[in-house]
Amino acid sequence: MSGNREKYVKRKSSRQNSHKDHVMGSRSDDTKYHRVFSKSRKSEKSKNKSPLVLGMLFSKRNRLPVCFGILSLILVIVGVIIIGSSSDTTTAAAPQPKPEQAIDFQTFTYEDGLVTMGLKTAAEVSQETANRSKILIPPKAKTYDPIIYSYPAAGKRVSLTFDDGPSPKMTEDYLNVLDELNIKASFFMLANSVMAYPDLTKEVEDRGHDVVSHSKEHANLANLSSDQLEADFSYSNDAFKEVLGHTPKMMRPPYGSYTDEVLSVAKKYGQQPIYWSIDTNDWRKYSTETMVNTILNNLSDGAVILMHEGKSNTLDALPAIAEAVRAAGYEFVPLSELLSY
């Protein structure tokens, strides 16, 4: 009995294992089938996706916007190509300024960096330069030699300059005060006055001062025609030569007014244009204190100080000016010496 029972148990176990293997095999086959089926469906979807998207883009509803988009893209590409090619072309030269309009007076200050141009009266010139420490030459586009406004290479030396002489009433007084102060200065004289007062003119030079030109009769040189300008310089050279035996080596344009032609003619006649770096505005009858402060506030190496003959307030201020400038460590020399350093 026990032997038969063992055989029965073995057959039953064998059947169960066989059924289990069959079931597992079926499941495995199902899994494999499911995976293969899934892959095939994904492949079909990916194959059908591209034509579906293109079909949606070019459907009746989307056809017009898509066409506009493509057209816009084409226009952008064409624009980029045109801009790129135009950047390689040569830029046309800027139009040149008309030469017939003369620029009369130009200044530049270090403080504000602004350039001022145009015709100026004597009052305007003096007012604009009263408190400026630097007056420079016109822009580099100009083609003439520069006007000298100061000479820093001279170091702690400055020049006093006096315009509009000689004056029969006051030049002698100026000379006496300058002698007392042991100052040699530079006098910019009018050729007409040089001819009218030759002895006084020679005395100024004999006492150690520069005698140089301030034009024939204080005309605004920028307003003269070419012929008038030539005549003015020619007359001045002849007058100085007759009275002093030599032509002037320097000149200062009246009102500080000049053009390219003025400086060109000055060079032709051997006269170096001289400007100034400090304007005392003495012609306004300013007080001694005001003029001293103006000079000290703008004092620099090689400064050129503008003053005038025939002004009593200027004469009275000279001792205080001399004391203040020397106390600041500077000495006075005439322009001919200042420019020699």
C-alpha atoms as a PDB file:
ATOM      1  CA  MET A   1       0.000   0.000   0.000  1.00  0.00           C
ATOM      2  CA  SER A   2       2.718   2.371   0.899  1.00  0.00           C
ATOM      3  CA  GLY A   3       4.482   1.690  -2.379  1.00  0.00           C
ATOM      4  CA  ASN A   4       1.360   2.469  -4.441  1.00  0.00           C
ATOM      5  CA  ARG A   5       0.796   5.674  -2.470  1.00  0.00           C
ATOM      6  CA  GLU A   6       4.318   6.894  -3.199  1.00  0.00           C
ATOM      7  CA  LYS A   7       3.792   6.258  -6.935  1.00  0.00           C
ATOM      8  CA  TYR A   8       0.524   8.243  -6.819  1.00  0.00           C
ATOM      9  CA  VAL A   9       2.188  11.186  -5.080  1.00  0.00           C
ATOM     10  CA  LYS A  10       5.024  11.250  -7.636  1.00  0.00           C
ATOM     11  CA  ARG A  11       2.580  11.184 -10.579  1.00  0.00           C
ATOM     12  CA  LYS A  12       0.529  14.016  -9.026  1.00  0.00           C
ATOM     13  CA  SER A  13       3.628  16.116  -8.399  1.00  0.00           C
ATOM     14  CA  SER A  14       4.773  15.522 -11.953  1.00  0.00           C
ATOM     15  CA  ARG A  15       1.417  16.638 -13.302  1.00  0.00           C
ATOM     16  CA  GLN A  16       1.459  19.788 -11.147  1.00  0.00           C
ATOM     17  CA  ASN A  17       4.946  20.709 -12.346  1.00  0.00           C
ATOM     18  CA  SER A  18       3.943  20.097 -15.923  1.00  0.00           C
ATOM     19  CA  HIS A  19       0.899  22.340 -15.523  1.00  0.00           C
ATOM     20  CA  LYS A  20       3.003  25.005 -13.839  1.00  0.00           C
ATOM     21  CA  ASP A  21       5.524  24.945 -16.654  1.00  0.00           C
ATOM     22  CA  HIS A  22       2.711  25.215 -19.149  1.00  0.00           C
ATOM     23  CA  VAL A  23       1.211  28.199 -17.343  1.00  0.00           C
ATOM     24  CA  MET A  24       4.587  29.953 -16.976  1.00  0.00           C
ATOM     25  CA  GLY A  25       5.376  29.300 -20.566  1.00  0.00           C
ATOM     26  CA  SER A  26       2.079  30.791 -21.618  1.00  0.00           C
ATOM     27  CA  ARG A  27       2.668  33.875 -19.519  1.00  0.00           C
ATOM     28  CA  SER A  28       6.149  34.255 -20.923  1.00  0.00           C
ATOM     29  CA  ASP A  29       4.785  33.988 -24.422  1.00  0.00           C
ATOM     30  CA  ASP A  30       2.103  36.557 -23.589  1.00  0.00           C
ATOM     31  CA  THR A  31       4.733  38.945 -22.261  1.00  0.00           C
ATOM     32  CA  LYS A  32       6.868  38.520 -25.322  1.00  0.00           C
ATOM     33  CA  TYR A  33       3.849  39.029 -27.545  1.00  0.00           C
ATOM     34  CA  HIS A  34       2.827  42.131 -25.616  1.00  0.00           C
ATOM     35  CA  ARG A  35       6.324  43.629 -25.965  1.00  0.00           C
ATOM     36  CA  VAL A  36       6.513  42.882 -29.653  1.00  0.00           C
ATOM     37  CA  PHE A  37       3.015  44.226 -30.193  1.00  0.00           C
ATOM     38  CA  SER A  38       3.828  47.423 -28.248  1.00  0.00           C
ATOM     39  CA  LYS A  39       6.982  47.990 -30.280  1.00  0.00           C
ATOM     40  CA  SER A  40       5.147  47.477 -33.516  1.00  0.00           C
ATOM     41  CA  ARG A  41       2.424  49.951 -32.487  1.00  0.00           C
ATOM     42  CA  LYS A  42       5.042  52.566 -31.483  1.00  0.00           C
ATOM     43  CA  SER A  43       6.800  52.061 -34.787  1.00  0.00           C
ATOM     44  CA  GLU A  44       3.547  52.542 -36.645  1.00  0.00           C
ATOM     45  CA  LYS A  45       2.775  55.691 -34.643  1.00  0.00           C
ATOM     46  CA  SER A  46       6.219  57.174 -35.365  1.00  0.00           C
ATOM     47  CA  LYS A  47       5.802  56.362 -39.036  1.00  0.00           C
ATOM     48  CA  ASN A  48       2.420  58.017 -39.162  1.00  0.00           C
ATOM     49  CA  LYS A  49       3.403  61.070 -37.038  1.00  0.00           C
ATOM     50  CA  SER A  50       5.389  63.045 -39.686  1.00  0.00           C
ATOM     51  CA  PRO A  51       2.707  63.055 -42.351  1.00  0.00           C
ATOM     52  CA  LEU A  52       0.163  63.900 -39.684  1.00  0.00           C
ATOM     53  CA  VAL A  53       2.120  67.004 -38.534  1.00  0.00           C
ATOM     54  CA  LEU A  54       2.727  68.203 -42.094  1.00  0.00           C
ATOM     55  CA  GLY A  55      -0.902  67.644 -42.850  1.00  0.00           C
ATOM     56  CA  MET A  56      -1.905  69.808 -39.896  1.00  0.00           C
ATOM     57  CA  LEU A  57       0.537  72.589 -40.934  1.00  0.00           C
ATOM     58  CA  PHE A  58      -0.822  72.776 -44.445  1.00  0.00           C
ATOM     59  CA  SER A  59      -4.454  72.260 -43.593  1.00  0.00           C
ATOM     60  CA  LYS A  60      -6.833  74.872 -44.924  1.00  0.00           C
ATOM     61  CA  ARG A  61      -7.031  76.542 -41.542  1.00  0.00           C
ATOM     62  CA  ASN A  62      -3.240  76.818 -41.050  1.00  0.00           C
ATOM     63  CA  ARG A  63      -2.095  77.243 -44.648  1.00  0.00           C
ATOM     64  CA  LEU A  64      -2.271  81.080 -44.763  1.00  0.00           C
ATOM     65  CA  PRO A  65      -0.431  81.770 -41.429  1.00  0.00           C
ATOM     66  CA  VAL A  66       2.275  79.253 -42.342  1.00  0.00           C
ATOM     67  CA  CYS A  67       2.816  80.901 -45.726  1.00  0.00           C
ATOM     68  CA  PHE A  68       3.092  84.315 -44.073  1.00  0.00           C
ATOM     69  CA  GLY A  69       5.618  82.917 -41.602  1.00  0.00           C
ATOM     70  CA  ILE A  70       7.785  81.457 -44.339  1.00  0.00           C
ATOM     71  CA  LEU A  71       7.600  84.708 -46.327  1.00  0.00           C
ATOM     72  CA  SER A  72       8.637  86.729 -43.243  1.00  0.00           C
ATOM     73  CA  LEU A  73      11.606  84.447 -42.638  1.00  0.00           C
ATOM     74  CA  ILE A  74      12.719  84.891 -46.251  1.00  0.00           C
ATOM     75  CA  LEU A  75      12.462  88.694 -45.947  1.00  0.00           C
ATOM     76  CA  VAL A  76      14.551  88.668 -42.743  1.00  0.00           C
ATOM     77  CA  ILE A  77      17.281  86.602 -44.398  1.00  0.00           C
ATOM     78  CA  VAL A  78      17.328  88.903 -47.442  1.00  0.00           C
ATOM     79  CA  GLY A  79      17.536  91.972 -45.156  1.00  0.00           C
ATOM     80  CA  VAL A  80      20.505  90.548 -43.259  1.00  0.00           C
ATOM     81  CA  ILE A  81      22.306  89.865 -46.527  1.00  0.00           C
ATOM     82  CA  ILE A  82      21.671  93.424 -47.796  1.00  0.00           C
ATOM     83  CA  ILE A  83      22.850  95.041 -44.542  1.00  0.00           C
ATOM     84  CA  GLY A  84      25.967  92.899 -44.485  1.00  0.00           C
ATOM     85  CA  SER A  85      26.882  93.825 -48.018  1.00  0.00           C
ATOM     86  CA  SER A  86      26.248  97.551 -47.478  1.00  0.00           C
ATOM     87  CA  SER A  87      28.597  97.617 -44.471  1.00  0.00           C
ATOM     88  CA  ASP A  88      31.453  96.643 -46.770  1.00  0.00           C
ATOM     89  CA  THR A  89      30.963  99.633 -49.041  1.00  0.00           C
ATOM     90  CA  THR A  90      33.026 102.818 -48.593  1.00  0.00           C
ATOM     91  CA  THR A  91      31.339 105.655 -46.670  1.00  0.00           C
ATOM     92  CA  ALA A  92      30.958 108.858 -48.641  1.00  0.00           C
ATOM     93  CA  ALA A  93      33.191 111.731 -47.516  1.00  0.00           C
ATOM     94  CA  ALA A  94      31.552 114.322 -45.258  1.00  0.00           C
ATOM     95  CA  PRO A  95      30.835 117.665 -46.923  1.00  0.00           C
ATOM     96  CA  GLN A  96      33.522 120.259 -46.282  1.00  0.00           C
ATOM     97  CA  PRO A  97      32.605 123.603 -44.645  1.00  0.00           C
ATOM     98  CA  LYS A  98      32.252 126.566 -46.925  1.00  0.00           C
ATOM     99  CA  PRO A  99      35.436 128.656 -46.833  1.00  0.00           C
ATOM    100  CA  GLU A 100      33.788 131.989 -47.449  1.00  0.00           C
ATOM    101  CA  GLN A 101      32.534 132.433 -43.861  1.00  0.00           C
ATOM    102  CA  ALA A 102      35.445 133.580 -41.701  1.00  0.00           C
ATOM    103  CA  ILE A 103      35.529 132.627 -38.046  1.00  0.00           C
ATOM    104  CA  ASP A 104      36.481 135.689 -36.110  1.00  0.00           C
ATOM    105  CA  PHE A 105      37.210 134.612 -32.571  1.00  0.00           C
ATOM    106  CA  GLN A 106      37.506 131.174 -31.038  1.00  0.00           C
ATOM    107  CA  THR A 107      38.268 130.217 -27.479  1.00  0.00           C
ATOM    108  CA  PHE A 108      38.563 126.973 -25.577  1.00  0.00           C
ATOM    109  CA  THR A 109      38.665 126.549 -21.815  1.00  0.00           C
ATOM    110  CA  TYR A 110      39.968 123.555 -19.898  1.00  0.00           C
ATOM    111  CA  GLU A 111      37.204 123.907 -17.334  1.00  0.00           C
ATOM    112  CA  ASP A 112      34.123 123.344 -19.496  1.00  0.00           C
ATOM    113  CA  GLY A 113      35.560 122.013 -22.736  1.00  0.00           C
ATOM    114  CA  LEU A 114      33.280 124.234 -24.807  1.00  0.00           C
ATOM    115  CA  VAL A 115      34.213 126.044 -27.984  1.00  0.00           C
ATOM    116  CA  THR A 116      32.786 129.508 -28.633  1.00  0.00           C
ATOM    117  CA  MET A 117      32.888 130.945 -32.133  1.00  0.00           C
ATOM    118  CA  GLY A 118      31.703 134.128 -33.813  1.00  0.00           C
ATOM    119  CA  LEU A 119      32.362 137.819 -34.065  1.00  0.00           C
ATOM    120  CA  LYS A 120      33.045 139.549 -30.774  1.00  0.00           C
ATOM    121  CA  THR A 121      33.230 143.133 -29.642  1.00  0.00           C
ATOM    122  CA  ALA A 122      36.064 144.282 -27.409  1.00  0.00           C
ATOM    123  CA  ALA A 123      33.726 144.230 -24.404  1.00  0.00           C
ATOM    124  CA  GLU A 124      32.611 140.666 -25.112  1.00  0.00           C
ATOM    125  CA  VAL A 125      36.156 139.424 -25.566  1.00  0.00           C
ATOM    126  CA  SER A 126      37.317 140.946 -22.286  1.00  0.00           C
ATOM    127  CA  GLN A 127      34.273 139.713 -20.402  1.00  0.00           C
ATOM    128  CA  GLU A 128      34.669 136.145 -21.648  1.00  0.00           C
ATOM    129  CA  THR A 129      38.364 135.987 -20.815  1.00  0.00           C
ATOM    130  CA  ALA A 130      38.256 137.735 -17.453  1.00  0.00           C
ATOM    131  CA  ASN A 131      38.407 134.577 -15.359  1.00  0.00           C
ATOM    132  CA  ARG A 132      39.784 132.027 -17.772  1.00  0.00           C
ATOM    133  CA  SER A 133      43.188 130.529 -17.229  1.00  0.00           C
ATOM    134  CA  LYS A 134      43.626 129.213 -20.751  1.00  0.00           C
ATOM    135  CA  ILE A 135      42.777 130.508 -24.193  1.00  0.00           C
ATOM    136  CA  LEU A 136      43.857 128.114 -26.880  1.00  0.00           C
ATOM    137  CA  ILE A 137      44.372 128.283 -30.599  1.00  0.00           C
ATOM    138  CA  PRO A 138      41.485 127.457 -32.945  1.00  0.00           C
ATOM    139  CA  PRO A 139      40.732 123.816 -33.849  1.00  0.00           C
ATOM    140  CA  LYS A 140      43.371 121.768 -35.654  1.00  0.00           C
ATOM    141  CA  ALA A 141      41.407 121.998 -38.898  1.00  0.00           C
ATOM    142  CA  LYS A 142      42.788 125.526 -39.270  1.00  0.00           C
ATOM    143  CA  THR A 143      45.896 125.648 -41.462  1.00  0.00           C
ATOM    144  CA  TYR A 144      47.940 128.541 -40.031  1.00  0.00           C
ATOM    145  CA  ASP A 145      50.591 128.840 -37.340  1.00  0.00           C
ATOM    146  CA  PRO A 146      49.152 129.117 -33.824  1.00  0.00           C
ATOM    147  CA  ILE A 147      48.718 132.291 -31.872  1.00  0.00           C
ATOM    148  CA  ILE A 148      50.842 132.304 -28.732  1.00  0.00           C
ATOM    149  CA  TYR A 149      48.644 132.810 -25.685  1.00  0.00           C
ATOM    150  CA  SER A 150      51.208 131.823 -23.055  1.00  0.00           C
ATOM    151  CA  TYR A 151      54.622 130.177 -22.966  1.00  0.00           C
ATOM    152  CA  PRO A 152      54.867 127.537 -20.212  1.00  0.00           C
ATOM    153  CA  ALA A 153      58.435 126.634 -21.203  1.00  0.00           C
ATOM    154  CA  ALA A 154      59.518 129.924 -19.620  1.00  0.00           C
ATOM    155  CA  GLY A 155      58.781 128.521 -16.168  1.00  0.00           C
ATOM    156  CA  LYS A 156      58.139 130.999 -13.356  1.00  0.00           C
ATOM    157  CA  ARG A 157      58.204 134.005 -15.673  1.00  0.00           C
ATOM    158  CA  VAL A 158      55.315 136.144 -16.915  1.00  0.00           C
ATOM    159  CA  SER A 159      54.916 139.118 -19.249  1.00  0.00           C
ATOM    160  CA  LEU A 160      52.996 142.338 -18.708  1.00  0.00           C
ATOM    161  CA  THR A 161      51.626 143.645 -22.026  1.00  0.00           C
ATOM    162  CA  PHE A 162      50.042 147.039 -22.725  1.00  0.00           C
ATOM    163  CA  ASP A 163      47.823 147.752 -25.759  1.00  0.00           C
ATOM    164  CA  ASP A 164      46.819 150.934 -27.631  1.00  0.00           C
ATOM    165  CA  GLY A 165      49.855 153.202 -27.067  1.00  0.00           C
ATOM    166  CA  PRO A 166      51.771 155.322 -27.231  1.00  0.00           C
ATOM    167  CA  SER A 167      49.776 157.835 -25.217  1.00  0.00           C
ATOM    168  CA  PRO A 168      51.249 161.342 -24.936  1.00  0.00           C
ATOM    169  CA  LYS A 169      49.392 161.809 -21.652  1.00  0.00           C
ATOM    170  CA  MET A 170      50.302 158.623 -19.780  1.00  0.00           C
ATOM    171  CA  THR A 171      53.024 156.547 -21.485  1.00  0.00           C
ATOM    172  CA  GLU A 172      55.744 158.488 -19.675  1.00  0.00           C
ATOM    173  CA  ASP A 173      54.051 157.785 -16.333  1.00  0.00           C
ATOM    174  CA  TYR A 174      53.863 154.062 -17.151  1.00  0.00           C
ATOM    175  CA  LEU A 175      57.570 154.024 -17.951  1.00  0.00           C
ATOM    176  CA  ASN A 176      58.441 155.717 -14.664  1.00  0.00           C
ATOM    177  CA  VAL A 177      56.360 153.312 -12.556  1.00  0.00           C
ATOM    178  CA  LEU A 178      57.772 150.296 -14.390  1.00  0.00           C
ATOM    179  CA  ASP A 179      61.285 151.578 -13.768  1.00  0.00           C
ATOM    180  CA  GLU A 180      60.539 151.934 -10.065  1.00  0.00           C
ATOM    181  CA  LEU A 181      59.212 148.368  -9.998  1.00  0.00           C
ATOM    182  CA  ASN A 182      62.141 147.080 -12.071  1.00  0.00           C
ATOM    183  CA  ILE A 183      59.783 145.558 -14.662  1.00  0.00           C
ATOM    184  CA  LYS A 184      60.385 145.272 -18.392  1.00  0.00           C
ATOM    185  CA  ALA A 185      57.147 144.929 -20.354  1.00  0.00           C
ATOM    186  CA  SER A 186      55.854 144.704 -23.942  1.00  0.00           C
ATOM    187  CA  PHE A 187      53.918 147.551 -25.599  1.00  0.00           C
ATOM    188  CA  PHE A 188      51.584 146.751 -28.518  1.00  0.00           C
ATOM    189  CA  MET A 189      51.389 150.092 -30.327  1.00  0.00           C
ATOM    190  CA  LEU A 190      49.203 151.461 -33.106  1.00  0.00           C
ATOM    191  CA  ALA A 191      51.217 152.354 -36.210  1.00  0.00           C
ATOM    192  CA  ASN A 192      49.381 155.656 -36.631  1.00  0.00           C
ATOM    193  CA  SER A 193      50.345 156.647 -33.075  1.00  0.00           C
ATOM    194  CA  VAL A 194      53.914 155.472 -33.645  1.00  0.00           C
ATOM    195  CA  MET A 195      54.130 157.864 -36.587  1.00  0.00           C
ATOM    196  CA  ALA A 196      52.444 160.629 -34.556  1.00  0.00           C
ATOM    197  CA  TYR A 197      54.742 160.251 -31.500  1.00  0.00           C
ATOM    198  CA  PRO A 198      58.048 158.881 -32.780  1.00  0.00           C
ATOM    199  CA  ASP A 199      60.177 160.195 -29.909  1.00  0.00           C
ATOM    200  CA  LEU A 200      57.895 158.672 -27.287  1.00  0.00           C
ATOM    201  CA  THR A 201      57.921 155.385 -29.196  1.00  0.00           C
ATOM    202  CA  LYS A 202      61.710 155.318 -29.296  1.00  0.00           C
ATOM    203  CA  GLU A 203      61.904 156.153 -25.592  1.00  0.00           C
ATOM    204  CA  VAL A 204      59.817 153.097 -24.718  1.00  0.00           C
ATOM    205  CA  GLU A 205      62.250 150.858 -26.590  1.00  0.00           C
ATOM    206  CA  ASP A 206      65.315 152.674 -25.291  1.00  0.00           C
ATOM    207  CA  ARG A 207      64.209 151.986 -21.720  1.00  0.00           C
ATOM    208  CA  GLY A 208      64.280 148.235 -22.306  1.00  0.00           C
ATOM    209  CA  HIS A 209      60.716 147.405 -23.294  1.00  0.00           C
ATOM    210  CA  ASP A 210      59.398 145.598 -26.383  1.00  0.00           C
ATOM    211  CA  VAL A 211      57.661 147.800 -28.961  1.00  0.00           C
ATOM    212  CA  VAL A 212      55.429 145.666 -31.214  1.00  0.00           C
ATOM    213  CA  SER A 213      52.396 146.093 -33.461  1.00  0.00           C
ATOM    214  CA  HIS A 214      48.706 146.421 -32.638  1.00  0.00           C
ATOM    215  CA  SER A 215      47.737 147.158 -36.282  1.00  0.00           C
ATOM    216  CA  LYS A 216      47.567 150.496 -38.051  1.00  0.00           C
ATOM    217  CA  GLU A 217      44.615 152.088 -36.266  1.00  0.00           C
ATOM    218  CA  HIS A 218      42.811 149.402 -34.220  1.00  0.00           C
ATOM    219  CA  ALA A 219      40.504 148.187 -36.994  1.00  0.00           C
ATOM    220  CA  ASN A 220      38.834 144.799 -36.679  1.00  0.00           C
ATOM    221  CA  LEU A 221      41.170 142.905 -38.989  1.00  0.00           C
ATOM    222  CA  ALA A 222      38.659 140.106 -39.508  1.00  0.00           C
ATOM    223  CA  ASN A 223      36.331 142.553 -41.262  1.00  0.00           C
ATOM    224  CA  LEU A 224      38.891 143.888 -43.739  1.00  0.00           C
ATOM    225  CA  SER A 225      39.108 142.838 -47.366  1.00  0.00           C
ATOM    226  CA  SER A 226      42.265 141.143 -48.610  1.00  0.00           C
ATOM    227  CA  ASP A 227      43.572 144.414 -50.058  1.00  0.00           C
ATOM    228  CA  GLN A 228      42.778 146.352 -46.873  1.00  0.00           C
ATOM    229  CA  LEU A 229      44.472 143.690 -44.760  1.00  0.00           C
ATOM    230  CA  GLU A 230      47.623 143.807 -46.875  1.00  0.00           C
ATOM    231  CA  ALA A 231      47.657 147.606 -46.689  1.00  0.00           C
ATOM    232  CA  ASP A 232      47.276 147.558 -42.882  1.00  0.00           C
ATOM    233  CA  PHE A 233      50.233 145.215 -42.319  1.00  0.00           C
ATOM    234  CA  SER A 234      52.349 146.964 -44.922  1.00  0.00           C
ATOM    235  CA  TYR A 235      51.739 150.358 -43.320  1.00  0.00           C
ATOM    236  CA  SER A 236      52.589 149.031 -39.847  1.00  0.00           C
ATOM    237  CA  ASN A 237      55.854 147.504 -41.010  1.00  0.00           C
ATOM    238  CA  ASP A 238      56.843 150.705 -42.789  1.00  0.00           C
ATOM    239  CA  ALA A 239      55.954 152.911 -39.787  1.00  0.00           C
ATOM    240  CA  PHE A 240      57.957 150.858 -37.291  1.00  0.00           C
ATOM    241  CA  LYS A 241      60.874 150.630 -39.712  1.00  0.00           C
ATOM    242  CA  GLU A 242      60.906 154.405 -40.173  1.00  0.00           C
ATOM    243  CA  VAL A 243      60.732 155.247 -36.452  1.00  0.00           C
ATOM    244  CA  LEU A 244      62.690 152.389 -34.862  1.00  0.00           C
ATOM    245  CA  GLY A 245      64.815 151.173 -37.724  1.00  0.00           C
ATOM    246  CA  HIS A 246      63.266 147.702 -37.723  1.00  0.00           C
ATOM    247  CA  THR A 247      59.906 146.042 -38.357  1.00  0.00           C
ATOM    248  CA  PRO A 248      57.866 144.594 -35.457  1.00  0.00           C
ATOM    249  CA  LYS A 249      58.435 140.912 -34.726  1.00  0.00           C
ATOM    250  CA  MET A 250      55.112 140.432 -32.946  1.00  0.00           C
ATOM    251  CA  MET A 251      51.520 141.630 -33.339  1.00  0.00           C
ATOM    252  CA  ARG A 252      48.257 141.410 -31.431  1.00  0.00           C
ATOM    253  CA  PRO A 253      44.996 141.606 -33.408  1.00  0.00           C
ATOM    254  CA  PRO A 254      42.660 144.321 -32.053  1.00  0.00           C
ATOM    255  CA  TYR A 255      39.692 142.921 -30.095  1.00  0.00           C
ATOM    256  CA  GLY A 256      41.390 139.524 -30.249  1.00  0.00           C
ATOM    257  CA  SER A 257      39.710 139.223 -33.648  1.00  0.00           C
ATOM    258  CA  TYR A 258      41.274 137.287 -36.511  1.00  0.00           C
ATOM    259  CA  THR A 259      40.709 134.920 -39.417  1.00  0.00           C
ATOM    260  CA  ASP A 260      42.849 132.390 -41.202  1.00  0.00           C
ATOM    261  CA  GLU A 261      43.801 135.108 -43.674  1.00  0.00           C
ATOM    262  CA  VAL A 262      44.813 137.532 -40.901  1.00  0.00           C
ATOM    263  CA  LEU A 263      47.294 135.039 -39.486  1.00  0.00           C
ATOM    264  CA  SER A 264      48.555 134.142 -42.935  1.00  0.00           C
ATOM    265  CA  VAL A 265      49.286 137.800 -43.737  1.00  0.00           C
ATOM    266  CA  ALA A 266      50.900 138.273 -40.309  1.00  0.00           C
ATOM    267  CA  LYS A 267      53.266 135.417 -41.083  1.00  0.00           C
ATOM    268  CA  LYS A 268      54.017 136.930 -44.496  1.00  0.00           C
ATOM    269  CA  TYR A 269      55.090 140.191 -42.830  1.00  0.00           C
ATOM    270  CA  GLY A 270      57.161 138.441 -40.171  1.00  0.00           C
ATOM    271  CA  GLN A 271      54.873 139.270 -37.236  1.00  0.00           C
ATOM    272  CA  GLN A 272      54.220 136.493 -34.711  1.00  0.00           C
ATOM    273  CA  PRO A 273      50.587 136.700 -33.477  1.00  0.00           C
ATOM    274  CA  ILE A 274      50.358 137.045 -29.692  1.00  0.00           C
ATOM    275  CA  TYR A 275      47.228 136.581 -27.608  1.00  0.00           C
ATOM    276  CA  TRP A 276      46.954 136.551 -23.819  1.00  0.00           C
ATOM    277  CA  SER A 277      46.158 134.096 -21.045  1.00  0.00           C
ATOM    278  CA  ILE A 278      45.024 136.636 -18.426  1.00  0.00           C
ATOM    279  CA  ASP A 279      42.733 139.580 -19.153  1.00  0.00           C
ATOM    280  CA  THR A 280      42.619 142.108 -16.303  1.00  0.00           C
ATOM    281  CA  ASN A 281      39.639 143.929 -17.839  1.00  0.00           C
ATOM    282  CA  ASP A 282      41.320 147.160 -16.754  1.00  0.00           C
ATOM    283  CA  TRP A 283      39.378 149.071 -19.413  1.00  0.00           C
ATOM    284  CA  ARG A 284      36.281 148.494 -17.264  1.00  0.00           C
ATOM    285  CA  LYS A 285      37.926 150.661 -14.595  1.00  0.00           C
ATOM    286  CA  TYR A 286      38.120 147.760 -12.176  1.00  0.00           C
ATOM    287  CA  SER A 287      39.670 148.304  -8.767  1.00  0.00           C
ATOM    288  CA  THR A 288      43.211 147.296  -7.878  1.00  0.00           C
ATOM    289  CA  GLU A 289      41.926 144.462  -5.684  1.00  0.00           C
ATOM    290  CA  THR A 290      39.795 143.035  -8.496  1.00  0.00           C
ATOM    291  CA  MET A 291      42.653 143.079 -10.995  1.00  0.00           C
ATOM    292  CA  VAL A 292      45.121 141.544  -8.534  1.00  0.00           C
ATOM    293  CA  ASN A 293      42.675 138.728  -7.749  1.00  0.00           C
ATOM    294  CA  THR A 294      42.050 138.098 -11.462  1.00  0.00           C
ATOM    295  CA  ILE A 295      45.776 137.745 -12.094  1.00  0.00           C
ATOM    296  CA  LEU A 296      46.466 135.533  -9.071  1.00  0.00           C
ATOM    297  CA  ASN A 297      43.498 133.264  -9.824  1.00  0.00           C
ATOM    298  CA  ASN A 298      44.803 132.619 -13.343  1.00  0.00           C
ATOM    299  CA  LEU A 299      48.552 132.805 -12.838  1.00  0.00           C
ATOM    300  CA  SER A 300      50.593 130.073 -14.526  1.00  0.00           C
ATOM    301  CA  ASP A 301      54.043 129.507 -16.002  1.00  0.00           C
ATOM    302  CA  GLY A 302      54.702 131.771 -18.968  1.00  0.00           C
ATOM    303  CA  ALA A 303      51.456 133.719 -18.538  1.00  0.00           C
ATOM    304  CA  VAL A 304      50.760 136.720 -20.778  1.00  0.00           C
ATOM    305  CA  ILE A 305      48.853 139.471 -18.933  1.00  0.00           C
ATOM    306  CA  LEU A 306      46.695 141.864 -20.969  1.00  0.00           C
ATOM    307  CA  MET A 307      46.446 145.521 -19.875  1.00  0.00           C
ATOM    308  CA  HIS A 308      46.067 148.886 -21.627  1.00  0.00           C
ATOM    309  CA  GLU A 309      47.843 152.210 -21.757  1.00  0.00           C
ATOM    310  CA  GLY A 310      45.973 155.385 -20.937  1.00  0.00           C
ATOM    311  CA  LYS A 311      44.109 153.957 -17.911  1.00  0.00           C
ATOM    312  CA  SER A 312      44.750 155.584 -14.561  1.00  0.00           C
ATOM    313  CA  ASN A 313      43.342 152.611 -12.628  1.00  0.00           C
ATOM    314  CA  THR A 314      45.833 150.353 -14.422  1.00  0.00           C
ATOM    315  CA  LEU A 315      48.727 152.627 -13.537  1.00  0.00           C
ATOM    316  CA  ASP A 316      47.624 152.747  -9.888  1.00  0.00           C
ATOM    317  CA  ALA A 317      47.331 148.948  -9.718  1.00  0.00           C
ATOM    318  CA  LEU A 318      50.836 148.172 -11.019  1.00  0.00           C
ATOM    319  CA  PRO A 319      52.668 148.245  -7.634  1.00  0.00           C
ATOM    320  CA  ALA A 320      50.146 145.876  -6.015  1.00  0.00           C
ATOM    321  CA  ILE A 321      50.209 143.582  -9.061  1.00  0.00           C
ATOM    322  CA  ALA A 322      54.004 143.436  -9.010  1.00  0.00           C
ATOM    323  CA  GLU A 323      54.085 142.616  -5.300  1.00  0.00           C
ATOM    324  CA  ALA A 324      51.425 139.878  -5.548  1.00  0.00           C
ATOM    325  CA  VAL A 325      52.941 138.169  -8.591  1.00  0.00           C
ATOM    326  CA  ARG A 326      56.424 138.163  -7.112  1.00  0.00           C
ATOM    327  CA  ALA A 327      55.106 136.868  -3.799  1.00  0.00           C
ATOM    328  CA  ALA A 328      53.631 133.945  -5.769  1.00  0.00           C
ATOM    329  CA  GLY A 329      57.136 133.100  -6.981  1.00  0.00           C
ATOM    330  CA  TYR A 330      57.107 134.661 -10.458  1.00  0.00           C
ATOM    331  CA  GLU A 331      59.282 137.270 -12.150  1.00  0.00           C
ATOM    332  CA  PHE A 332      58.473 139.743 -14.939  1.00  0.00           C
ATOM    333  CA  VAL A 333      60.190 139.630 -18.339  1.00  0.00           C
ATOM    334  CA  PRO A 334      59.265 141.155 -21.725  1.00  0.00           C
ATOM    335  CA  LEU A 335      57.788 138.852 -24.377  1.00  0.00           C
ATOM    336  CA  SER A 336      61.012 138.813 -26.380  1.00  0.00           C
ATOM    337  CA  GLU A 337      62.727 137.184 -23.401  1.00  0.00           C
ATOM    338  CA  LEU A 338      59.766 135.008 -22.403  1.00  0.00           C
ATOM    339  CA  LEU A 339      59.715 133.362 -25.829  1.00  0.00           C
ATOM    340  CA  SER A 340      63.454 132.713 -25.803  1.00  0.00           C
ATOM    341  CA  TYR A 341      63.278 129.908 -23.228  1.00  0.00           C
END
